[in-house]
Amino acid sequence: PAYDIVLFLGLYQHLPKTSRKNTLLAALSLANVWFAIRTPQSIWQSDKLEEFIEQQGFHLAEHSKADLDRQGGLYIYQRTNPKQA
């Protein structure tokens, strides 16, 4: 299955560290066009999530820096080559 948009908001940091990237990868694979993620900035940087998401075929379309310290920024990615239905 694939969805036009997948929201992954405030989840990543609550997952066990050993399964975070695999869970994120599974969520990214479900996103046909759009993927939105929010996680604290410290985790975003330490886990190099921007690089990881871009390696999966997405590019950053929008970024809101509101509440970076506590909740983290909101990052909206678009799949570079959407899957064909």
PDB file of N, CA and C in Angstrom:
ATOM      1  N   PRO A   1       0.823  -1.202   0.000  1.00  0.00           N
ATOM      2  CA  PRO A   1       0.000   0.000   0.000  1.00  0.00           C
ATOM      3  C   PRO A   1       0.865   1.264   0.000  1.00  0.00           C
ATOM      4  N   ALA A   2       0.313   2.319  -0.513  1.00  0.00           N
ATOM      5  CA  ALA A   2       0.992   3.615  -0.509  1.00  0.00           C
ATOM      6  C   ALA A   2      -0.051   4.693  -0.242  1.00  0.00           C
ATOM      7  N   TYR A   3       0.382   5.761   0.362  1.00  0.00           N
ATOM      8  CA  TYR A   3      -0.487   6.882   0.708  1.00  0.00           C
ATOM      9  C   TYR A   3       0.094   8.157   0.111  1.00  0.00           C
ATOM     10  N   ASP A   4      -0.771   9.097  -0.254  1.00  0.00           N
ATOM     11  CA  ASP A   4      -0.297  10.363  -0.801  1.00  0.00           C
ATOM     12  C   ASP A   4       0.554  11.105   0.218  1.00  0.00           C
ATOM     13  N   ILE A   5       0.170  11.017   1.484  1.00  0.00           N
ATOM     14  CA  ILE A   5       0.923  11.681   2.546  1.00  0.00           C
ATOM     15  C   ILE A   5       1.003  10.769   3.768  1.00  0.00           C
ATOM     16  N   VAL A   6       2.162  10.760   4.380  1.00  0.00           N
ATOM     17  CA  VAL A   6       2.362  10.031   5.635  1.00  0.00           C
ATOM     18  C   VAL A   6       2.838  11.040   6.669  1.00  0.00           C
ATOM     19  N   LEU A   7       2.156  11.076   7.820  1.00  0.00           N
ATOM     20  CA  LEU A   7       2.512  11.962   8.918  1.00  0.00           C
ATOM     21  C   LEU A   7       3.235  11.159   9.993  1.00  0.00           C
ATOM     22  N   PHE A   8       4.416  11.605  10.358  1.00  0.00           N
ATOM     23  CA  PHE A   8       5.256  10.919  11.345  1.00  0.00           C
ATOM     24  C   PHE A   8       5.631  11.975  12.383  1.00  0.00           C
ATOM     25  N   LEU A   9       4.644  12.424  13.104  1.00  0.00           N
ATOM     26  CA  LEU A   9       4.774  13.598  13.962  1.00  0.00           C
ATOM     27  C   LEU A   9       4.929  13.204  15.424  1.00  0.00           C
ATOM     28  N   GLY A  10       6.080  13.516  16.000  1.00  0.00           N
ATOM     29  CA  GLY A  10       6.312  13.263  17.412  1.00  0.00           C
ATOM     30  C   GLY A  10       6.430  11.799  17.775  1.00  0.00           C
ATOM     31  N   LEU A  11       6.794  10.962  16.843  1.00  0.00           N
ATOM     32  CA  LEU A  11       6.902   9.516  17.095  1.00  0.00           C
ATOM     33  C   LEU A  11       8.340   9.040  17.235  1.00  0.00           C
ATOM     34  N   TYR A  12       9.193   9.519  16.372  1.00  0.00           N
ATOM     35  CA  TYR A  12      10.555   8.993  16.244  1.00  0.00           C
ATOM     36  C   TYR A  12      11.286   8.910  17.577  1.00  0.00           C
ATOM     37  N   GLN A  13      11.237   9.977  18.353  1.00  0.00           N
ATOM     38  CA  GLN A  13      11.998  10.032  19.605  1.00  0.00           C
ATOM     39  C   GLN A  13      11.468   9.076  20.666  1.00  0.00           C
ATOM     40  N   HIS A  14      10.261   8.568  20.513  1.00  0.00           N
ATOM     41  CA  HIS A  14       9.671   7.646  21.490  1.00  0.00           C
ATOM     42  C   HIS A  14       9.942   6.177  21.154  1.00  0.00           C
ATOM     43  N   LEU A  15      10.505   5.935  19.985  1.00  0.00           N
ATOM     44  CA  LEU A  15      10.806   4.566  19.577  1.00  0.00           C
ATOM     45  C   LEU A  15      12.129   4.110  20.197  1.00  0.00           C
ATOM     46  N   PRO A  16      12.295   2.802  20.404  1.00  0.00           N
ATOM     47  CA  PRO A  16      13.596   2.306  20.886  1.00  0.00           C
ATOM     48  C   PRO A  16      14.686   2.685  19.884  1.00  0.00           C
ATOM     49  N   LYS A  17      15.825   3.105  20.381  1.00  0.00           N
ATOM     50  CA  LYS A  17      16.908   3.555  19.501  1.00  0.00           C
ATOM     51  C   LYS A  17      17.295   2.491  18.477  1.00  0.00           C
ATOM     52  N   THR A  18      17.187   1.234  18.853  1.00  0.00           N
ATOM     53  CA  THR A  18      17.599   0.150  17.961  1.00  0.00           C
ATOM     54  C   THR A  18      16.659  -0.041  16.767  1.00  0.00           C
ATOM     55  N   SER A  19      15.440   0.479  16.859  1.00  0.00           N
ATOM     56  CA  SER A  19      14.492   0.273  15.751  1.00  0.00           C
ATOM     57  C   SER A  19      14.029   1.564  15.099  1.00  0.00           C
ATOM     58  N   ARG A  20      14.558   2.699  15.524  1.00  0.00           N
ATOM     59  CA  ARG A  20      14.106   3.989  14.986  1.00  0.00           C
ATOM     60  C   ARG A  20      14.252   4.078  13.469  1.00  0.00           C
ATOM     61  N   LYS A  21      15.435   3.815  12.980  1.00  0.00           N
ATOM     62  CA  LYS A  21      15.682   3.999  11.541  1.00  0.00           C
ATOM     63  C   LYS A  21      14.864   3.011  10.708  1.00  0.00           C
ATOM     64  N   ASN A  22      14.717   1.779  11.162  1.00  0.00           N
ATOM     65  CA  ASN A  22      13.918   0.804  10.413  1.00  0.00           C
ATOM     66  C   ASN A  22      12.447   1.196  10.388  1.00  0.00           C
ATOM     67  N   THR A  23      11.955   1.729  11.486  1.00  0.00           N
ATOM     68  CA  THR A  23      10.559   2.167  11.534  1.00  0.00           C
ATOM     69  C   THR A  23      10.366   3.374  10.623  1.00  0.00           C
ATOM     70  N   LEU A  24      11.305   4.298  10.655  1.00  0.00           N
ATOM     71  CA  LEU A  24      11.245   5.461   9.774  1.00  0.00           C
ATOM     72  C   LEU A  24      11.301   5.021   8.312  1.00  0.00           C
ATOM     73  N   LEU A  25      12.162   4.086   8.000  1.00  0.00           N
ATOM     74  CA  LEU A  25      12.278   3.573   6.639  1.00  0.00           C
ATOM     75  C   LEU A  25      10.949   2.961   6.169  1.00  0.00           C
ATOM     76  N   ALA A  26      10.296   2.219   7.042  1.00  0.00           N
ATOM     77  CA  ALA A  26       8.999   1.624   6.691  1.00  0.00           C
ATOM     78  C   ALA A  26       7.952   2.709   6.432  1.00  0.00           C
ATOM     79  N   ALA A  27       7.946   3.753   7.258  1.00  0.00           N
ATOM     80  CA  ALA A  27       7.000   4.851   7.059  1.00  0.00           C
ATOM     81  C   ALA A  27       7.287   5.580   5.752  1.00  0.00           C
ATOM     82  N   LEU A  28       8.555   5.809   5.454  1.00  0.00           N
ATOM     83  CA  LEU A  28       8.919   6.474   4.199  1.00  0.00           C
ATOM     84  C   LEU A  28       8.490   5.655   2.993  1.00  0.00           C
ATOM     85  N   SER A  29       8.572   4.351   3.101  1.00  0.00           N
ATOM     86  CA  SER A  29       8.199   3.498   1.963  1.00  0.00           C
ATOM     87  C   SER A  29       6.702   3.557   1.675  1.00  0.00           C
ATOM     88  N   LEU A  30       5.916   3.971   2.662  1.00  0.00           N
ATOM     89  CA  LEU A  30       4.465   4.098   2.471  1.00  0.00           C
ATOM     90  C   LEU A  30       4.053   5.435   1.857  1.00  0.00           C
ATOM     91  N   ALA A  31       4.963   6.392   1.843  1.00  0.00           N
ATOM     92  CA  ALA A  31       4.644   7.739   1.354  1.00  0.00           C
ATOM     93  C   ALA A  31       4.861   7.811  -0.154  1.00  0.00           C
ATOM     94  N   ASN A  32       3.787   7.976  -0.888  1.00  0.00           N
ATOM     95  CA  ASN A  32       3.882   8.074  -2.337  1.00  0.00           C
ATOM     96  C   ASN A  32       4.375   9.450  -2.788  1.00  0.00           C
ATOM     97  N   VAL A  33       3.901  10.513  -2.124  1.00  0.00           N
ATOM     98  CA  VAL A  33       4.268  11.862  -2.547  1.00  0.00           C
ATOM     99  C   VAL A  33       4.854  12.668  -1.392  1.00  0.00           C
ATOM    100  N   TRP A  34       4.127  12.773  -0.281  1.00  0.00           N
ATOM    101  CA  TRP A  34       4.510  13.661   0.821  1.00  0.00           C
ATOM    102  C   TRP A  34       4.826  12.880   2.090  1.00  0.00           C
ATOM    103  N   PHE A  35       5.810  13.386   2.848  1.00  0.00           N
ATOM    104  CA  PHE A  35       6.161  12.813   4.138  1.00  0.00           C
ATOM    105  C   PHE A  35       6.442  13.956   5.100  1.00  0.00           C
ATOM    106  N   ALA A  36       5.758  13.961   6.238  1.00  0.00           N
ATOM    107  CA  ALA A  36       5.952  15.009   7.243  1.00  0.00           C
ATOM    108  C   ALA A  36       6.473  14.375   8.520  1.00  0.00           C
ATOM    109  N   ILE A  37       7.488  15.018   9.104  1.00  0.00           N
ATOM    110  CA  ILE A  37       8.096  14.501  10.332  1.00  0.00           C
ATOM    111  C   ILE A  37       8.384  15.659  11.283  1.00  0.00           C
ATOM    112  N   ARG A  38       8.201  15.387  12.561  1.00  0.00           N
ATOM    113  CA  ARG A  38       8.574  16.334  13.620  1.00  0.00           C
ATOM    114  C   ARG A  38       9.247  15.539  14.722  1.00  0.00           C
ATOM    115  N   THR A  39      10.420  15.998  15.106  1.00  0.00           N
ATOM    116  CA  THR A  39      11.161  15.365  16.194  1.00  0.00           C
ATOM    117  C   THR A  39      12.097  16.419  16.787  1.00  0.00           C
ATOM    118  N   PRO A  40      12.489  16.282  18.045  1.00  0.00           N
ATOM    119  CA  PRO A  40      13.359  17.292  18.647  1.00  0.00           C
ATOM    120  C   PRO A  40      14.644  17.513  17.838  1.00  0.00           C
ATOM    121  N   GLN A  41      15.083  18.736  17.807  1.00  0.00           N
ATOM    122  CA  GLN A  41      16.242  19.127  17.017  1.00  0.00           C
ATOM    123  C   GLN A  41      17.496  18.334  17.383  1.00  0.00           C
ATOM    124  N   SER A  42      17.692  18.054  18.651  1.00  0.00           N
ATOM    125  CA  SER A  42      18.891  17.313  19.060  1.00  0.00           C
ATOM    126  C   SER A  42      18.924  15.915  18.434  1.00  0.00           C
ATOM    127  N   ILE A  43      17.789  15.255  18.372  1.00  0.00           N
ATOM    128  CA  ILE A  43      17.709  13.921  17.761  1.00  0.00           C
ATOM    129  C   ILE A  43      17.800  14.035  16.248  1.00  0.00           C
ATOM    130  N   TRP A  44      17.159  15.051  15.692  1.00  0.00           N
ATOM    131  CA  TRP A  44      17.213  15.296  14.247  1.00  0.00           C
ATOM    132  C   TRP A  44      18.671  15.371  13.782  1.00  0.00           C
ATOM    133  N   GLN A  45      19.464  16.115  14.541  1.00  0.00           N
ATOM    134  CA  GLN A  45      20.866  16.304  14.175  1.00  0.00           C
ATOM    135  C   GLN A  45      21.722  15.072  14.476  1.00  0.00           C
ATOM    136  N   SER A  46      21.573  14.504  15.656  1.00  0.00           N
ATOM    137  CA  SER A  46      22.433  13.366  16.029  1.00  0.00           C
ATOM    138  C   SER A  46      22.185  12.135  15.155  1.00  0.00           C
ATOM    139  N   ASP A  47      20.944  11.933  14.736  1.00  0.00           N
ATOM    140  CA  ASP A  47      20.620  10.776  13.894  1.00  0.00           C
ATOM    141  C   ASP A  47      20.725  11.089  12.399  1.00  0.00           C
ATOM    142  N   LYS A  48      21.094  12.323  12.076  1.00  0.00           N
ATOM    143  CA  LYS A  48      21.282  12.748  10.681  1.00  0.00           C
ATOM    144  C   LYS A  48      20.071  12.406   9.823  1.00  0.00           C
ATOM    145  N   LEU A  49      18.902  12.823  10.317  1.00  0.00           N
ATOM    146  CA  LEU A  49      17.656  12.442   9.652  1.00  0.00           C
ATOM    147  C   LEU A  49      17.467  13.106   8.298  1.00  0.00           C
ATOM    148  N   GLU A  50      17.934  14.335   8.157  1.00  0.00           N
ATOM    149  CA  GLU A  50      17.787  14.985   6.847  1.00  0.00           C
ATOM    150  C   GLU A  50      18.493  14.171   5.765  1.00  0.00           C
ATOM    151  N   GLU A  51      19.713  13.788   6.034  1.00  0.00           N
ATOM    152  CA  GLU A  51      20.489  12.982   5.088  1.00  0.00           C
ATOM    153  C   GLU A  51      19.811  11.632   4.828  1.00  0.00           C
ATOM    154  N   PHE A  52      19.351  10.988   5.884  1.00  0.00           N
ATOM    155  CA  PHE A  52      18.708   9.676   5.767  1.00  0.00           C
ATOM    156  C   PHE A  52      17.452   9.744   4.892  1.00  0.00           C
ATOM    157  N   ILE A  53      16.611  10.751   5.137  1.00  0.00           N
ATOM    158  CA  ILE A  53      15.360  10.887   4.378  1.00  0.00           C
ATOM    159  C   ILE A  53      15.652  11.198   2.914  1.00  0.00           C
ATOM    160  N   GLU A  54      16.618  12.059   2.665  1.00  0.00           N
ATOM    161  CA  GLU A  54      16.970  12.388   1.287  1.00  0.00           C
ATOM    162  C   GLU A  54      17.533  11.174   0.544  1.00  0.00           C
ATOM    163  N   GLN A  55      18.230  10.302   1.251  1.00  0.00           N
ATOM    164  CA  GLN A  55      18.752   9.078   0.628  1.00  0.00           C
ATOM    165  C   GLN A  55      17.634   8.136   0.197  1.00  0.00           C
ATOM    166  N   GLN A  56      16.443   8.325   0.756  1.00  0.00           N
ATOM    167  CA  GLN A  56      15.303   7.471   0.414  1.00  0.00           C
ATOM    168  C   GLN A  56      14.489   8.047  -0.740  1.00  0.00           C
ATOM    169  N   GLY A  57      14.987   9.118  -1.365  1.00  0.00           N
ATOM    170  CA  GLY A  57      14.333   9.663  -2.555  1.00  0.00           C
ATOM    171  C   GLY A  57      13.403  10.831  -2.298  1.00  0.00           C
ATOM    172  N   PHE A  58      13.624  11.564  -1.230  1.00  0.00           N
ATOM    173  CA  PHE A  58      12.791  12.728  -0.900  1.00  0.00           C
ATOM    174  C   PHE A  58      13.641  13.989  -0.890  1.00  0.00           C
ATOM    175  N   HIS A  59      12.985  15.127  -1.126  1.00  0.00           N
ATOM    176  CA  HIS A  59      13.665  16.407  -0.962  1.00  0.00           C
ATOM    177  C   HIS A  59      12.801  17.303  -0.073  1.00  0.00           C
ATOM    178  N   LEU A  60      13.459  18.162   0.668  1.00  0.00           N
ATOM    179  CA  LEU A  60      12.768  19.044   1.602  1.00  0.00           C
ATOM    180  C   LEU A  60      11.941  20.068   0.839  1.00  0.00           C
ATOM    181  N   ALA A  61      10.651  20.120   1.126  1.00  0.00           N
ATOM    182  CA  ALA A  61       9.747  21.059   0.467  1.00  0.00           C
ATOM    183  C   ALA A  61       9.407  22.234   1.374  1.00  0.00           C
ATOM    184  N   GLU A  62       9.345  21.990   2.687  1.00  0.00           N
ATOM    185  CA  GLU A  62       8.940  23.035   3.649  1.00  0.00           C
ATOM    186  C   GLU A  62       9.514  22.699   5.014  1.00  0.00           C
ATOM    187  N   HIS A  63       9.885  23.740   5.750  1.00  0.00           N
ATOM    188  CA  HIS A  63      10.409  23.539   7.096  1.00  0.00           C
ATOM    189  C   HIS A  63       9.932  24.672   7.984  1.00  0.00           C
ATOM    190  N   SER A  64       9.261  24.315   9.066  1.00  0.00           N
ATOM    191  CA  SER A  64       8.821  25.295  10.058  1.00  0.00           C
ATOM    192  C   SER A  64       9.735  25.171  11.267  1.00  0.00           C
ATOM    193  N   LYS A  65      10.327  26.287  11.668  1.00  0.00           N
ATOM    194  CA  LYS A  65      11.262  26.265  12.787  1.00  0.00           C
ATOM    195  C   LYS A  65      10.586  26.571  14.119  1.00  0.00           C
ATOM    196  N   ALA A  66       9.277  26.604  14.149  1.00  0.00           N
ATOM    197  CA  ALA A  66       8.561  26.888  15.392  1.00  0.00           C
ATOM    198  C   ALA A  66       8.866  25.817  16.432  1.00  0.00           C
ATOM    199  N   ASP A  67       9.190  26.237  17.625  1.00  0.00           N
ATOM    200  CA  ASP A  67       9.418  25.337  18.764  1.00  0.00           C
ATOM    201  C   ASP A  67      10.507  24.302  18.512  1.00  0.00           C
ATOM    202  N   LEU A  68      11.620  24.738  17.958  1.00  0.00           N
ATOM    203  CA  LEU A  68      12.727  23.814  17.665  1.00  0.00           C
ATOM    204  C   LEU A  68      13.264  23.134  18.916  1.00  0.00           C
ATOM    205  N   ASP A  69      13.320  23.858  20.020  1.00  0.00           N
ATOM    206  CA  ASP A  69      13.933  23.312  21.227  1.00  0.00           C
ATOM    207  C   ASP A  69      13.139  22.178  21.862  1.00  0.00           C
ATOM    208  N   ARG A  70      11.844  22.310  21.916  1.00  0.00           N
ATOM    209  CA  ARG A  70      11.047  21.313  22.618  1.00  0.00           C
ATOM    210  C   ARG A  70      10.506  20.237  21.679  1.00  0.00           C
ATOM    211  N   GLN A  71       9.672  20.630  20.745  1.00  0.00           N
ATOM    212  CA  GLN A  71       9.055  19.654  19.850  1.00  0.00           C
ATOM    213  C   GLN A  71       9.873  19.399  18.602  1.00  0.00           C
ATOM    214  N   GLY A  72      10.686  20.343  18.241  1.00  0.00           N
ATOM    215  CA  GLY A  72      11.454  20.227  17.012  1.00  0.00           C
ATOM    216  C   GLY A  72      10.748  20.891  15.864  1.00  0.00           C
ATOM    217  N   GLY A  73      11.460  21.040  14.788  1.00  0.00           N
ATOM    218  CA  GLY A  73      10.869  21.644  13.604  1.00  0.00           C
ATOM    219  C   GLY A  73       9.958  20.660  12.894  1.00  0.00           C
ATOM    220  N   LEU A  74       9.099  21.207  12.066  1.00  0.00           N
ATOM    221  CA  LEU A  74       8.241  20.391  11.221  1.00  0.00           C
ATOM    222  C   LEU A  74       8.866  20.374   9.834  1.00  0.00           C
ATOM    223  N   TYR A  75       9.183  19.207   9.353  1.00  0.00           N
ATOM    224  CA  TYR A  75       9.826  19.049   8.054  1.00  0.00           C
ATOM    225  C   TYR A  75       8.856  18.333   7.123  1.00  0.00           C
ATOM    226  N   ILE A  76       8.615  18.929   5.970  1.00  0.00           N
ATOM    227  CA  ILE A  76       7.727  18.321   4.978  1.00  0.00           C
ATOM    228  C   ILE A  76       8.555  18.013   3.744  1.00  0.00           C
ATOM    229  N   TYR A  77       8.567  16.752   3.392  1.00  0.00           N
ATOM    230  CA  TYR A  77       9.352  16.271   2.254  1.00  0.00           C
ATOM    231  C   TYR A  77       8.424  15.824   1.129  1.00  0.00           C
ATOM    232  N   GLN A  78       8.940  15.950  -0.082  1.00  0.00           N
ATOM    233  CA  GLN A  78       8.233  15.474  -1.263  1.00  0.00           C
ATOM    234  C   GLN A  78       9.100  14.419  -1.934  1.00  0.00           C
ATOM    235  N   ARG A  79       8.467  13.338  -2.338  1.00  0.00           N
ATOM    236  CA  ARG A  79       9.208  12.287  -3.045  1.00  0.00           C
ATOM    237  C   ARG A  79       9.663  12.849  -4.395  1.00  0.00           C
ATOM    238  N   THR A  80      10.922  12.664  -4.714  1.00  0.00           N
ATOM    239  CA  THR A  80      11.477  13.202  -5.948  1.00  0.00           C
ATOM    240  C   THR A  80      10.816  12.579  -7.175  1.00  0.00           C
ATOM    241  N   ASN A  81      10.618  11.285  -7.148  1.00  0.00           N
ATOM    242  CA  ASN A  81       9.938  10.572  -8.237  1.00  0.00           C
ATOM    243  C   ASN A  81       8.803   9.760  -7.661  1.00  0.00           C
ATOM    244  N   PRO A  82       7.586  10.342  -7.587  1.00  0.00           N
ATOM    245  CA  PRO A  82       6.455   9.603  -6.991  1.00  0.00           C
ATOM    246  C   PRO A  82       6.229   8.271  -7.675  1.00  0.00           C
ATOM    247  N   LYS A  83       5.777   7.324  -6.889  1.00  0.00           N
ATOM    248  CA  LYS A  83       5.459   5.995  -7.415  1.00  0.00           C
ATOM    249  C   LYS A  83       4.261   6.107  -8.340  1.00  0.00           C
ATOM    250  N   GLN A  84       4.265   5.321  -9.380  1.00  0.00           N
ATOM    251  CA  GLN A  84       3.151   5.303 -10.320  1.00  0.00           C
ATOM    252  C   GLN A  84       2.079   4.335  -9.827  1.00  0.00           C
ATOM    253  N   ALA A  85       0.826   4.758  -9.915  1.00  0.00           N
ATOM    254  CA  ALA A  85      -0.290   3.929  -9.442  1.00  0.00           C
ATOM    255  C   ALA A  85      -0.556   2.781 -10.394  1.00  0.00           C
TER     256      ALA A  85
END
